Amino acid sequence: GSHVVEEQMVMIRLAWNSLKPGGYYVIEDTHSSFLDVY
């Protein structure tokens, strides 16, 4: 989504219960945290 750290932290907490046991939760583009453009 936004690649903004605060929103990544919010989303995983909200979405975690919707992930089945044995499932995978992925955060993409973590390099964006270190780009000045964001």
All heavy atoms as atom14 arrays in JSON, in Angstrom:
{
  "sequence": "GSHVVEEQMVMIRLAWNSLKPGGYYVIEDTHSSFLDVY",
  "atom14_mask": [
    [1, 1, 1, 1, 0, 0, 0, 0, 0, 0, 0, 0, 0, 0],
    [1, 1, 1, 1, 1, 1, 0, 0, 0, 0, 0, 0, 0, 0],
    [1, 1, 1, 1, 1, 1, 1, 1, 1, 1, 0, 0, 0, 0],
    [1, 1, 1, 1, 1, 1, 1, 0, 0, 0, 0, 0, 0, 0],
    [1, 1, 1, 1, 1, 1, 1, 0, 0, 0, 0, 0, 0, 0],
    [1, 1, 1, 1, 1, 1, 1, 1, 1, 0, 0, 0, 0, 0],
    [1, 1, 1, 1, 1, 1, 1, 1, 1, 0, 0, 0, 0, 0],
    [1, 1, 1, 1, 1, 1, 1, 1, 1, 0, 0, 0, 0, 0],
    [1, 1, 1, 1, 1, 1, 1, 1, 0, 0, 0, 0, 0, 0],
    [1, 1, 1, 1, 1, 1, 1, 0, 0, 0, 0, 0, 0, 0],
    [1, 1, 1, 1, 1, 1, 1, 1, 0, 0, 0, 0, 0, 0],
    [1, 1, 1, 1, 1, 1, 1, 1, 0, 0, 0, 0, 0, 0],
    [1, 1, 1, 1, 1, 1, 1, 1, 1, 1, 1, 0, 0, 0],
    [1, 1, 1, 1, 1, 1, 1, 1, 0, 0, 0, 0, 0, 0],
    [1, 1, 1, 1, 1, 0, 0, 0, 0, 0, 0, 0, 0, 0],
    [1, 1, 1, 1, 1, 1, 1, 1, 1, 1, 1, 1, 1, 1],
    [1, 1, 1, 1, 1, 1, 1, 1, 0, 0, 0, 0, 0, 0],
    [1, 1, 1, 1, 1, 1, 0, 0, 0, 0, 0, 0, 0, 0],
    [1, 1, 1, 1, 1, 1, 1, 1, 0, 0, 0, 0, 0, 0],
    [1, 1, 1, 1, 1, 1, 1, 1, 1, 0, 0, 0, 0, 0],
    [1, 1, 1, 1, 1, 1, 1, 0, 0, 0, 0, 0, 0, 0],
    [1, 1, 1, 1, 0, 0, 0, 0, 0, 0, 0, 0, 0, 0],
    [1, 1, 1, 1, 0, 0, 0, 0, 0, 0, 0, 0, 0, 0],
    [1, 1, 1, 1, 1, 1, 1, 1, 1, 1, 1, 1, 0, 0],
    [1, 1, 1, 1, 1, 1, 1, 1, 1, 1, 1, 1, 0, 0],
    [1, 1, 1, 1, 1, 1, 1, 0, 0, 0, 0, 0, 0, 0],
    [1, 1, 1, 1, 1, 1, 1, 1, 0, 0, 0, 0, 0, 0],
    [1, 1, 1, 1, 1, 1, 1, 1, 1, 0, 0, 0, 0, 0],
    [1, 1, 1, 1, 1, 1, 1, 1, 0, 0, 0, 0, 0, 0],
    [1, 1, 1, 1, 1, 1, 1, 0, 0, 0, 0, 0, 0, 0],
    [1, 1, 1, 1, 1, 1, 1, 1, 1, 1, 0, 0, 0, 0],
    [1, 1, 1, 1, 1, 1, 0, 0, 0, 0, 0, 0, 0, 0],
    [1, 1, 1, 1, 1, 1, 0, 0, 0, 0, 0, 0, 0, 0],
    [1, 1, 1, 1, 1, 1, 1, 1, 1, 1, 1, 0, 0, 0],
    [1, 1, 1, 1, 1, 1, 1, 1, 0, 0, 0, 0, 0, 0],
    [1, 1, 1, 1, 1, 1, 1, 1, 0, 0, 0, 0, 0, 0],
    [1, 1, 1, 1, 1, 1, 1, 0, 0, 0, 0, 0, 0, 0],
    [1, 1, 1, 1, 1, 1, 1, 1, 1, 1, 1, 1, 0, 0]
  ],
  "atom14_positions": [
    [[0.79, -1.22, 0.0], [0.0, 0.0, 0.0], [0.82, 1.26, 0.0], [1.57, 1.56, -0.94], [0.0, 0.0, 0.0], [0.0, 0.0, 0.0], [0.0, 0.0, 0.0], [0.0, 0.0, 0.0], [0.0, 0.0, 0.0], [0.0, 0.0, 0.0], [0.0, 0.0, 0.0], [0.0, 0.0, 0.0], [0.0, 0.0, 0.0], [0.0, 0.0, 0.0]],
    [[0.72, 2.01, 1.1], [1.32, 3.35, 1.14], [2.84, 3.35, 1.27], [3.49, 4.33, 0.93], [0.74, 4.12, 2.33], [1.2, 3.57, 3.55], [0.0, 0.0, 0.0], [0.0, 0.0, 0.0], [0.0, 0.0, 0.0], [0.0, 0.0, 0.0], [0.0, 0.0, 0.0], [0.0, 0.0, 0.0], [0.0, 0.0, 0.0], [0.0, 0.0, 0.0]],
    [[3.42, 2.26, 1.79], [4.87, 2.17, 2.07], [5.3, 3.1, 3.21], [6.49, 3.35, 3.39], [5.72, 2.46, 0.83], [5.33, 1.67, -0.39], [4.73, 0.43, -0.32], [5.44, 1.96, -1.71], [4.51, -0.01, -1.54], [4.91, 0.91, -2.4], [0.0, 0.0, 0.0], [0.0, 0.0, 0.0], [0.0, 0.0, 0.0], [0.0, 0.0, 0.0]],
    [[4.34, 3.6, 3.94], [4.62, 4.46, 5.09], [4.67, 3.6, 6.35], [3.75, 2.82, 6.6], [3.55, 5.56, 5.23], [3.77, 6.38, 6.49], [3.56, 6.46, 3.99], [0.0, 0.0, 0.0], [0.0, 0.0, 0.0], [0.0, 0.0, 0.0], [0.0, 0.0, 0.0], [0.0, 0.0, 0.0], [0.0, 0.0, 0.0], [0.0, 0.0, 0.0]],
    [[5.73, 3.73, 7.12], [5.97, 2.86, 8.27], [4.79, 2.83, 9.23], [4.35, 1.77, 9.68], [7.25, 3.28, 9.01], [7.31, 2.65, 10.39], [8.47, 2.88, 8.21], [0.0, 0.0, 0.0], [0.0, 0.0, 0.0], [0.0, 0.0, 0.0], [0.0, 0.0, 0.0], [0.0, 0.0, 0.0], [0.0, 0.0, 0.0], [0.0, 0.0, 0.0]],
    [[4.27, 4.02, 9.58], [3.16, 4.06, 10.53], [1.97, 3.23, 10.05], [1.34, 2.51, 10.83], [2.71, 5.51, 10.78], [3.68, 6.34, 11.6], [4.76, 7.0, 10.76], [4.91, 6.64, 9.57], [5.45, 7.88, 11.28], [0.0, 0.0, 0.0], [0.0, 0.0, 0.0], [0.0, 0.0, 0.0], [0.0, 0.0, 0.0], [0.0, 0.0, 0.0]],
    [[1.67, 3.32, 8.76], [0.52, 2.59, 8.22], [0.82, 1.1, 8.1], [-0.08, 0.26, 8.25], [0.12, 3.19, 6.87], [-0.42, 4.61, 7.02], [-0.96, 5.18, 5.72], [-1.2, 4.4, 4.77], [-1.14, 6.4, 5.66], [0.0, 0.0, 0.0], [0.0, 0.0, 0.0], [0.0, 0.0, 0.0], [0.0, 0.0, 0.0], [0.0, 0.0, 0.0]],
    [[2.06, 0.76, 7.84], [2.44, -0.66, 7.83], [2.24, -1.28, 9.21], [1.76, -2.42, 9.33], [3.9, -0.81, 7.38], [4.12, -0.5, 5.91], [5.59, -0.44, 5.54], [6.45, -0.23, 6.4], [5.88, -0.62, 4.26], [0.0, 0.0, 0.0], [0.0, 0.0, 0.0], [0.0, 0.0, 0.0], [0.0, 0.0, 0.0], [0.0, 0.0, 0.0]],
    [[2.58, -0.54, 10.25], [2.42, -1.04, 11.62], [0.94, -1.16, 11.99], [0.53, -2.11, 12.66], [3.14, -0.1, 12.59], [4.65, -0.09, 12.39], [5.5, 1.18, 13.39], [5.38, 0.46, 15.02], [0.0, 0.0, 0.0], [0.0, 0.0, 0.0], [0.0, 0.0, 0.0], [0.0, 0.0, 0.0], [0.0, 0.0, 0.0], [0.0, 0.0, 0.0]],
    [[0.14, -0.2, 11.53], [-1.3, -0.26, 11.8], [-1.93, -1.44, 11.08], [-2.71, -2.21, 11.65], [-1.98, 1.05, 11.37], [-3.5, 0.89, 11.41], [-1.56, 2.19, 12.29], [0.0, 0.0, 0.0], [0.0, 0.0, 0.0], [0.0, 0.0, 0.0], [0.0, 0.0, 0.0], [0.0, 0.0, 0.0], [0.0, 0.0, 0.0], [0.0, 0.0, 0.0]],
    [[-1.59, -1.62, 9.81], [-2.23, -2.65, 9.0], [-1.96, -4.04, 9.55], [-2.89, -4.87, 9.63], [-1.77, -2.57, 7.55], [-2.43, -3.65, 6.68], [-1.96, -3.52, 4.93], [-2.44, -5.16, 4.38], [0.0, 0.0, 0.0], [0.0, 0.0, 0.0], [0.0, 0.0, 0.0], [0.0, 0.0, 0.0], [0.0, 0.0, 0.0], [0.0, 0.0, 0.0]],
    [[-0.74, -4.35, 9.93], [-0.45, -5.71, 10.39], [-1.23, -6.02, 11.67], [-1.72, -7.14, 11.87], [1.06, -5.95, 10.59], [1.32, -7.44, 10.83], [1.63, -5.1, 11.72], [2.79, -7.81, 10.84], [0.0, 0.0, 0.0], [0.0, 0.0, 0.0], [0.0, 0.0, 0.0], [0.0, 0.0, 0.0], [0.0, 0.0, 0.0], [0.0, 0.0, 0.0]],
    [[-1.41, -5.02, 12.52], [-2.17, -5.26, 13.75], [-3.65, -5.48, 13.45], [-4.3, -6.32, 14.09], [-1.98, -4.08, 14.71], [-0.55, -3.96, 15.24], [-0.45, -2.91, 16.34], [0.92, -2.78, 16.82], [1.71, -1.75, 16.58], [1.26, -0.72, 15.88], [2.94, -1.7, 17.06], [0.0, 0.0, 0.0], [0.0, 0.0, 0.0], [0.0, 0.0, 0.0]],
    [[-4.18, -4.74, 12.48], [-5.58, -4.9, 12.13], [-5.85, -6.19, 11.37], [-6.89, -6.83, 11.55], [-6.04, -3.71, 11.28], [-6.13, -2.35, 11.96], [-6.5, -1.28, 10.94], [-7.15, -2.37, 13.1], [0.0, 0.0, 0.0], [0.0, 0.0, 0.0], [0.0, 0.0, 0.0], [0.0, 0.0, 0.0], [0.0, 0.0, 0.0], [0.0, 0.0, 0.0]],
    [[-4.92, -6.57, 10.51], [-5.14, -7.69, 9.6], [-4.76, -9.04, 10.17], [-5.2, -10.07, 9.65], [-4.36, -7.45, 8.31], [0.0, 0.0, 0.0], [0.0, 0.0, 0.0], [0.0, 0.0, 0.0], [0.0, 0.0, 0.0], [0.0, 0.0, 0.0], [0.0, 0.0, 0.0], [0.0, 0.0, 0.0], [0.0, 0.0, 0.0], [0.0, 0.0, 0.0]],
    [[-3.98, -9.06, 11.22], [-3.39, -10.32, 11.7], [-4.45, -11.38, 12.02], [-4.28, -12.56, 11.68], [-2.51, -10.05, 12.92], [-1.75, -11.26, 13.38], [-2.04, -12.07, 14.44], [-0.56, -11.8, 12.78], [-1.1, -13.07, 14.54], [-0.19, -12.93, 13.53], [0.22, -11.43, 11.68], [0.93, -13.7, 13.22], [1.34, -12.2, 11.35], [1.68, -13.32, 12.13]],
    [[-5.53, -10.98, 12.64], [-6.57, -11.96, 12.99], [-7.29, -12.52, 11.77], [-7.96, -13.55, 11.86], [-7.61, -11.33, 13.93], [-7.08, -11.19, 15.34], [-6.13, -11.86, 15.74], [-7.7, -10.31, 16.12], [0.0, 0.0, 0.0], [0.0, 0.0, 0.0], [0.0, 0.0, 0.0], [0.0, 0.0, 0.0], [0.0, 0.0, 0.0], [0.0, 0.0, 0.0]],
    [[-7.15, -11.85, 10.64], [-7.78, -12.32, 9.4], [-6.87, -13.26, 8.61], [-7.24, -13.72, 7.52], [-8.15, -11.13, 8.51], [-9.09, -10.3, 9.17], [0.0, 0.0, 0.0], [0.0, 0.0, 0.0], [0.0, 0.0, 0.0], [0.0, 0.0, 0.0], [0.0, 0.0, 0.0], [0.0, 0.0, 0.0], [0.0, 0.0, 0.0], [0.0, 0.0, 0.0]],
    [[-5.69, -13.56, 9.15], [-4.75, -14.48, 8.53], [-4.94, -15.86, 9.15], [-4.94, -16.0, 10.37], [-3.33, -13.99, 8.73], [-2.19, -14.79, 8.09], [-2.28, -14.7, 6.56], [-0.83, -14.29, 8.59], [0.0, 0.0, 0.0], [0.0, 0.0, 0.0], [0.0, 0.0, 0.0], [0.0, 0.0, 0.0], [0.0, 0.0, 0.0], [0.0, 0.0, 0.0]],
    [[-5.08, -16.88, 8.32], [-5.31, -18.22, 8.83], [-4.03, -18.78, 9.47], [-2.92, -18.34, 9.14], [-5.77, -19.14, 7.7], [-4.72, -19.42, 6.65], [-5.24, -20.33, 5.54], [-5.35, -21.75, 6.04], [-5.66, -22.7, 4.91], [0.0, 0.0, 0.0], [0.0, 0.0, 0.0], [0.0, 0.0, 0.0], [0.0, 0.0, 0.0], [0.0, 0.0, 0.0]],
    [[-4.15, -19.72, 10.4], [-2.96, -20.39, 10.93], [-2.16, -21.04, 9.8], [-2.73, -21.66, 8.9], [-3.57, -21.46, 11.86], [-4.88, -20.9, 12.27], [-5.39, -20.17, 11.04], [0.0, 0.0, 0.0], [0.0, 0.0, 0.0], [0.0, 0.0, 0.0], [0.0, 0.0, 0.0], [0.0, 0.0, 0.0], [0.0, 0.0, 0.0], [0.0, 0.0, 0.0]],
    [[-0.86, -20.84, 9.82], [0.0, -21.33, 8.75], [0.09, -20.4, 7.56], [0.81, -20.68, 6.6], [0.0, 0.0, 0.0], [0.0, 0.0, 0.0], [0.0, 0.0, 0.0], [0.0, 0.0, 0.0], [0.0, 0.0, 0.0], [0.0, 0.0, 0.0], [0.0, 0.0, 0.0], [0.0, 0.0, 0.0], [0.0, 0.0, 0.0], [0.0, 0.0, 0.0]],
    [[-0.62, -19.26, 7.63], [-0.62, -18.3, 6.53], [0.59, -17.38, 6.55], [1.4, -17.39, 7.49], [0.0, 0.0, 0.0], [0.0, 0.0, 0.0], [0.0, 0.0, 0.0], [0.0, 0.0, 0.0], [0.0, 0.0, 0.0], [0.0, 0.0, 0.0], [0.0, 0.0, 0.0], [0.0, 0.0, 0.0], [0.0, 0.0, 0.0], [0.0, 0.0, 0.0]],
    [[0.7, -16.54, 5.52], [1.83, -15.64, 5.37], [1.36, -14.18, 5.32], [0.42, -13.86, 4.6], [2.61, -15.95, 4.09], [3.29, -17.3, 4.09], [2.65, -18.43, 3.59], [4.58, -17.44, 4.6], [3.27, -19.67, 3.6], [5.21, -18.67, 4.62], [4.56, -19.79, 4.11], [5.18, -21.02, 4.11], [0.0, 0.0, 0.0], [0.0, 0.0, 0.0]],
    [[2.05, -13.34, 6.08], [1.79, -11.9, 6.05], [3.03, -11.23, 5.47], [4.14, -11.38, 6.0], [1.49, -11.35, 7.45], [1.05, -9.9, 7.41], [-0.29, -9.58, 7.36], [1.99, -8.87, 7.36], [-0.71, -8.25, 7.29], [1.59, -7.55, 7.27], [0.24, -7.24, 7.24], [-0.16, -5.94, 7.15], [0.0, 0.0, 0.0], [0.0, 0.0, 0.0]],
    [[2.85, -10.45, 4.41], [3.96, -9.88, 3.66], [3.94, -8.36, 3.73], [2.9, -7.73, 3.53], [3.89, -10.31, 2.18], [5.06, -9.73, 1.39], [3.84, -11.83, 2.05], [0.0, 0.0, 0.0], [0.0, 0.0, 0.0], [0.0, 0.0, 0.0], [0.0, 0.0, 0.0], [0.0, 0.0, 0.0], [0.0, 0.0, 0.0], [0.0, 0.0, 0.0]],
    [[5.1, -7.77, 3.98], [5.28, -6.32, 3.87], [6.29, -6.08, 2.75], [7.46, -6.47, 2.85], [5.78, -5.69, 5.18], [4.83, -6.01, 6.34], [5.94, -4.18, 5.02], [5.33, -5.54, 7.68], [0.0, 0.0, 0.0], [0.0, 0.0, 0.0], [0.0, 0.0, 0.0], [0.0, 0.0, 0.0], [0.0, 0.0, 0.0], [0.0, 0.0, 0.0]],
    [[5.82, -5.46, 1.67], [6.68, -5.19, 0.53], [7.28, -3.79, 0.59], [6.81, -2.92, 1.32], [5.87, -5.32, -0.77], [5.49, -6.73, -1.13], [4.88, -6.83, -2.52], [4.6, -5.79, -3.14], [4.68, -7.96, -2.99], [0.0, 0.0, 0.0], [0.0, 0.0, 0.0], [0.0, 0.0, 0.0], [0.0, 0.0, 0.0], [0.0, 0.0, 0.0]],
    [[8.32, -3.61, -0.2], [8.93, -2.29, -0.43], [9.4, -1.64, 0.87], [9.23, -0.42, 1.06], [7.95, -1.38, -1.16], [7.55, -1.94, -2.52], [8.42, -2.49, -3.21], [6.37, -1.83, -2.89], [0.0, 0.0, 0.0], [0.0, 0.0, 0.0], [0.0, 0.0, 0.0], [0.0, 0.0, 0.0], [0.0, 0.0, 0.0], [0.0, 0.0, 0.0]],
    [[10.01, -2.42, 1.74], [10.49, -1.85, 3.0], [11.62, -0.85, 2.78], [11.88, -0.01, 3.65], [10.96, -2.96, 3.94], [11.9, -3.81, 3.26], [9.78, -3.81, 4.41], [0.0, 0.0, 0.0], [0.0, 0.0, 0.0], [0.0, 0.0, 0.0], [0.0, 0.0, 0.0], [0.0, 0.0, 0.0], [0.0, 0.0, 0.0], [0.0, 0.0, 0.0]],
    [[12.25, -0.9, 1.61], [13.29, 0.09, 1.31], [12.73, 1.51, 1.23], [13.46, 2.49, 1.4], [13.96, -0.25, -0.02], [13.07, -0.11, -1.21], [12.18, -1.09, -1.59], [12.89, 0.9, -2.1], [11.51, -0.7, -2.65], [11.91, 0.52, -2.99], [0.0, 0.0, 0.0], [0.0, 0.0, 0.0], [0.0, 0.0, 0.0], [0.0, 0.0, 0.0]],
    [[11.42, 1.61, 1.01], [10.79, 2.94, 0.89], [10.92, 3.75, 2.17], [10.87, 4.98, 2.14], [9.3, 2.79, 0.52], [9.16, 2.15, -0.72], [0.0, 0.0, 0.0], [0.0, 0.0, 0.0], [0.0, 0.0, 0.0], [0.0, 0.0, 0.0], [0.0, 0.0, 0.0], [0.0, 0.0, 0.0], [0.0, 0.0, 0.0], [0.0, 0.0, 0.0]],
    [[11.08, 3.05, 3.29], [11.23, 3.74, 4.57], [12.44, 4.66, 4.57], [12.49, 5.63, 5.34], [11.38, 2.72, 5.7], [10.24, 1.89, 5.8], [0.0, 0.0, 0.0], [0.0, 0.0, 0.0], [0.0, 0.0, 0.0], [0.0, 0.0, 0.0], [0.0, 0.0, 0.0], [0.0, 0.0, 0.0], [0.0, 0.0, 0.0], [0.0, 0.0, 0.0]],
    [[13.4, 4.37, 3.73], [14.67, 5.1, 3.75], [14.81, 6.07, 2.58], [15.87, 6.67, 2.39], [15.83, 4.1, 3.77], [15.73, 3.11, 4.89], [15.18, 1.85, 4.67], [16.14, 3.44, 6.17], [15.07, 0.94, 5.71], [16.03, 2.54, 7.21], [15.49, 1.29, 6.98], [0.0, 0.0, 0.0], [0.0, 0.0, 0.0], [0.0, 0.0, 0.0]],
    [[13.75, 6.22, 1.8], [13.8, 7.14, 0.67], [13.27, 8.52, 1.08], [12.21, 8.62, 1.69], [12.95, 6.59, -0.49], [13.4, 5.26, -1.1], [12.43, 4.83, -2.19], [14.81, 5.36, -1.65], [0.0, 0.0, 0.0], [0.0, 0.0, 0.0], [0.0, 0.0, 0.0], [0.0, 0.0, 0.0], [0.0, 0.0, 0.0], [0.0, 0.0, 0.0]],
    [[13.98, 9.55, 0.72], [13.59, 10.91, 1.09], [12.24, 11.31, 0.52], [11.52, 12.13, 1.11], [14.66, 11.91, 0.62], [15.96, 11.77, 1.41], [15.92, 11.23, 2.53], [17.01, 12.2, 0.89], [0.0, 0.0, 0.0], [0.0, 0.0, 0.0], [0.0, 0.0, 0.0], [0.0, 0.0, 0.0], [0.0, 0.0, 0.0], [0.0, 0.0, 0.0]],
    [[11.87, 10.72, -0.61], [10.63, 11.11, -1.26], [9.41, 10.84, -0.37], [8.4, 11.53, -0.47], [10.48, 10.37, -2.62], [10.29, 8.87, -2.41], [9.32, 10.95, -3.42], [0.0, 0.0, 0.0], [0.0, 0.0, 0.0], [0.0, 0.0, 0.0], [0.0, 0.0, 0.0], [0.0, 0.0, 0.0], [0.0, 0.0, 0.0], [0.0, 0.0, 0.0]],
    [[9.53, 9.87, 0.53], [8.4, 9.56, 1.41], [8.39, 10.42, 2.67], [7.4, 10.42, 3.41], [8.41, 8.07, 1.79], [7.96, 7.18, 0.65], [8.88, 6.63, -0.23], [6.61, 6.92, 0.44], [8.47, 5.83, -1.28], [6.19, 6.12, -0.6], [7.12, 5.57, -1.46], [6.71, 4.79, -2.51], [0.0, 0.0, 0.0], [0.0, 0.0, 0.0]]
  ]
}
